[in-house]
Protein backbone atom coordinates (compact mmCIF):
# COMPACT_ATOMS: atom_id res chain seq x y z
CA MET A 1 24.99 -7.49 58.93
CA GLU A 2 22.22 -4.84 58.93
CA GLU A 3 25.00 -2.06 58.17
CA LYS A 4 26.31 -4.35 55.14
CA MET A 5 22.82 -4.51 53.82
CA LYS A 6 22.33 -0.70 53.91
CA LYS A 7 25.51 -0.37 51.82
CA LEU A 8 24.39 -2.96 49.02
CA VAL A 9 20.58 -1.95 48.63
CA PRO A 10 21.96 1.47 46.92
CA LYS A 11 24.37 -0.39 44.99
CA MET A 12 21.59 -3.17 43.85
CA SER A 13 19.53 -0.13 43.25
CA ALA A 14 22.17 1.44 40.73
CA PHE A 15 22.93 -1.86 39.17
CA LEU A 16 19.15 -2.67 38.49
CA MET A 17 18.72 0.86 37.06
CA MET A 18 21.69 0.36 34.67
CA ALA A 19 20.55 -3.10 33.93
CA THR A 20 16.98 -1.70 33.02
CA PHE A 21 18.71 1.18 30.97
CA GLY A 22 20.76 -1.46 28.94
CA MET A 23 17.63 -3.46 28.26
CA PHE A 24 16.10 -0.10 26.77
CA LEU A 25 19.30 0.66 24.95
CA PHE A 26 19.50 -2.43 23.22
CA ALA A 27 15.89 -3.32 22.83
CA THR A 28 14.72 -4.07 19.48
CA ILE A 29 11.42 -3.27 18.18
CA VAL A 30 9.58 -5.71 15.97
CA SER A 31 8.21 -3.28 13.35
CA ALA A 32 7.73 -3.67 9.61
CA ALA A 33 9.19 -1.45 7.30
CA PRO A 34 7.06 0.97 4.33
CA ILE A 35 6.76 -0.61 0.94
CA VAL A 36 9.57 1.40 -1.13
CA GLY A 37 10.15 0.93 -4.89
CA GLU A 38 8.15 0.74 -8.34
CA ILE A 39 6.31 -1.95 -10.21
CA GLN A 40 4.94 -1.66 -13.78
CA PHE A 41 2.60 -3.78 -15.38
CA GLU A 42 1.36 -4.37 -19.35
CA GLY A 43 -1.29 -6.62 -20.59
CA SER A 44 -4.47 -6.47 -22.63
CA SER A 45 -7.66 -4.95 -21.63
CA GLN A 46 -11.18 -4.03 -23.27
CA LEU A 47 -12.84 -0.51 -23.09
CA THR A 48 -16.42 -0.89 -21.57
CA ASP A 49 -19.42 1.01 -20.89
CA GLY A 50 -20.81 1.36 -17.49
CA ALA A 51 -22.29 -1.91 -17.50
CA TYR A 52 -19.20 -3.70 -18.44
CA ASN A 53 -20.52 -4.01 -22.06
CA PRO A 54 -17.78 -3.54 -24.70
CA ALA A 55 -17.21 0.18 -25.62
CA GLN A 56 -17.45 1.37 -29.40
CA THR A 57 -14.86 3.79 -29.26
CA PHE A 58 -12.45 5.36 -26.64
CA ALA A 59 -14.66 8.47 -26.34
CA SER A 60 -17.67 6.30 -25.35
CA ALA A 61 -15.50 4.37 -22.72
CA GLU A 62 -16.38 4.27 -19.12
CA GLY A 63 -14.86 1.56 -17.45
CA LEU A 64 -12.05 -1.27 -18.28
CA LYS A 65 -11.73 -4.75 -17.99
CA PHE A 66 -8.03 -6.47 -17.81
CA ASP A 67 -6.54 -9.77 -19.26
CA ASP A 68 -3.38 -11.15 -19.17
CA VAL A 69 -1.60 -8.73 -16.94
CA THR A 70 1.85 -9.30 -16.38
CA VAL A 71 4.70 -7.32 -14.44
CA LYS A 72 6.77 -5.50 -16.82
CA PHE A 73 9.47 -3.76 -14.36
CA SER A 74 9.89 -3.89 -10.82
CA ILE A 75 12.76 -2.42 -8.34
CA GLY A 76 12.82 -1.96 -4.78
CA ASP A 77 10.92 -4.06 -2.69
CA PHE A 78 8.92 -5.13 -5.73
CA ALA A 79 12.07 -6.53 -7.32
CA GLY A 80 12.01 -10.19 -8.18
CA ASN A 81 8.37 -9.86 -9.60
CA ASN A 82 9.44 -9.36 -13.12
CA SER A 83 7.25 -11.29 -15.70
CA ALA A 84 4.80 -12.56 -12.83
CA THR A 85 1.28 -12.87 -13.50
CA ALA A 86 -0.75 -10.07 -11.86
CA THR A 87 -4.56 -9.69 -11.18
CA TYR A 88 -6.27 -6.87 -12.09
CA GLU A 89 -9.79 -5.77 -11.14
CA ASP A 90 -12.12 -4.45 -13.58
CA PHE A 91 -13.54 -0.97 -12.73
CA ILE A 92 -15.54 1.88 -13.88
CA PHE A 93 -13.71 5.25 -14.08
CA ASP A 94 -16.14 7.48 -15.47
CA SER A 95 -18.03 7.82 -12.05
CA PHE A 96 -15.42 6.38 -9.74
CA ALA A 97 -17.34 4.96 -6.37
CA GLY A 98 -13.80 3.57 -5.01
CA PRO A 99 -12.37 2.41 -3.43
CA ILE A 100 -11.38 -0.82 -5.26
CA THR A 101 -9.80 -3.48 -2.64
CA PRO A 102 -7.28 -4.49 -4.23
CA LEU A 103 -7.11 -2.86 -7.49
CA TRP A 104 -4.14 -5.14 -8.39
CA SER A 105 -2.14 -7.98 -6.69
CA VAL A 106 1.07 -9.79 -7.53
CA GLY A 107 3.02 -11.95 -5.12
CA LYS A 108 2.67 -10.76 -1.64
CA PHE A 109 1.72 -7.13 -2.83
CA SER A 110 -1.49 -5.60 -3.47
CA PHE A 111 -2.75 -1.97 -4.09
CA ASN A 112 -6.02 -0.39 -2.99
CA LEU A 113 -7.07 2.38 -5.04
CA GLU A 114 -8.82 5.29 -3.21
CA THR A 115 -8.91 7.99 -5.34
CA LEU A 116 -9.16 8.29 -9.20
CA GLU A 117 -8.53 11.20 -11.56
CA ILE A 118 -9.17 11.18 -15.35
CA VAL A 119 -6.24 12.88 -16.66
CA THR A 120 -6.76 12.31 -20.49
CA HIS A 121 -9.82 11.06 -22.18
CA THR A 122 -9.71 11.52 -26.01
CA THR A 123 -10.61 9.61 -28.95
CA ASP A 124 -7.54 7.54 -28.86
CA PHE A 125 -5.94 7.81 -25.66
CA LEU A 126 -6.98 7.35 -21.85
CA GLY A 127 -4.99 8.46 -18.96
CA LEU A 128 -5.89 7.77 -15.26
CA LYS A 129 -4.14 8.40 -12.15
CA GLY A 130 -4.97 7.79 -8.42
CA LEU A 131 -3.90 7.51 -4.92
CA GLY A 132 -4.18 4.43 -2.57
CA MET A 133 -2.56 1.99 -0.21
CA LEU A 134 0.19 -0.66 -0.87
CA SER A 135 0.03 -3.78 1.28
CA ALA A 136 2.01 -6.71 1.68
CA ASP A 137 3.00 -9.16 4.38
CA GLY A 138 5.98 -8.18 6.33
CA PHE A 139 5.68 -4.68 5.59
CA ASP A 140 3.82 -1.56 6.98
CA ASP A 141 0.60 -0.44 4.62
CA THR A 142 2.29 2.34 2.74
CA LYS A 143 0.76 5.18 0.72
CA GLY A 144 1.18 4.67 -3.21
CA ALA A 145 0.54 6.36 -6.70
CA TRP A 146 -0.97 4.60 -9.50
CA ILE A 147 -0.93 5.83 -12.99
CA LEU A 148 -2.47 3.97 -16.30
CA SER A 149 -2.33 4.92 -20.05
CA LEU A 150 -4.31 3.20 -22.88
CA GLN A 151 -3.74 3.81 -26.43
CA THR A 152 -4.63 2.34 -29.79
CA VAL A 153 -1.76 0.85 -31.67
CA SER A 154 -2.08 -0.24 -35.30
CA GLY A 155 -5.66 -1.14 -34.77
CA LEU A 156 -5.07 -2.90 -31.41
CA THR A 157 -5.76 -2.04 -27.78
CA GLY A 158 -2.23 -1.97 -25.81
CA ILE A 159 -2.03 -1.06 -22.24
CA THR A 160 0.55 0.24 -20.30
CA PHE A 161 0.04 1.21 -16.20
CA SER A 162 2.40 1.45 -13.31
CA ALA A 163 2.29 1.67 -9.63
CA ALA A 164 4.49 3.37 -7.29
CA SER A 165 4.95 3.98 -3.78
CA ALA A 166 7.08 6.45 -1.44
CA ALA A 167 7.29 6.25 2.41
CA PRO A 168 7.86 8.87 4.99
CA VAL A 169 11.03 9.08 7.07
CA ALA A 170 10.17 7.63 10.39
CA VAL A 171 12.18 8.44 13.70
CA PRO A 172 13.86 5.28 14.49
CA GLU A 173 12.58 3.83 17.86
CA PRO A 174 16.05 2.86 19.31
CA GLY A 175 16.95 6.26 19.23
CA THR A 176 13.96 7.57 21.22
CA LEU A 177 14.63 4.56 23.85
CA LEU A 178 18.24 5.90 24.21
CA LEU A 179 16.89 9.48 25.06
CA LEU A 180 14.39 8.23 27.57
CA GLY A 181 17.00 6.02 29.16
CA SER A 182 19.76 8.91 29.00
CA GLY A 183 16.98 11.21 30.90
CA MET A 184 16.51 8.38 33.52
CA ALA A 185 20.16 7.94 34.20
CA GLY A 186 20.73 11.83 34.55
CA LEU A 187 17.74 11.86 37.02
CA ALA A 188 19.34 9.02 39.12
CA LEU A 189 22.81 10.54 39.05
CA ALA A 190 21.39 13.91 40.21
CA ARG A 191 19.57 12.26 42.97
CA ARG A 192 22.68 10.48 43.81
CA ARG A 193 24.55 13.40 44.18
CA SER A 194 21.99 15.62 45.95
CA ALA A 195 21.60 12.60 48.53
CA GLY A 196 25.42 12.52 49.12
CA LYS A 197 25.42 16.15 50.29
């Protein structure tokens, strides 16, 4: 009986090691994916001074108030939000004190504006751009870019702006586990060969 056990223990050890390797090989890691896509908004706005009082001209404007903002276009993970009502935070762009958390939100998505740059500020046009973080339930927080353009059309103030995101390519976790498991199996095989000599 004792001799049978001595032969059975190495076989059981090999079986347990292979079973463990199999668990690593087929393990599924619960991990959210980055947000990928683009979303564009449209709506109306009011130019303001630094205290959110109405500004008289584009040139004297220091801030923005937003009204009636809706999704104009959406693709990627944002798809399905077309015509949805969005919430936009009013802000002062002239002396940006950021971050604005969130700058906008629609559905399960939101965007925190972390940096802001004035691209163009003339008597009839305002262009802003910034970087920040896109967030949504079920997704990893993802760095994103935001662009705004504001111009006067036939005496009315019209606004169009968009936010877009891109995500870095990550090494898939199952591939890492496969490499680890292969290394462990190779060590076990080498040990077994050296023990047999």
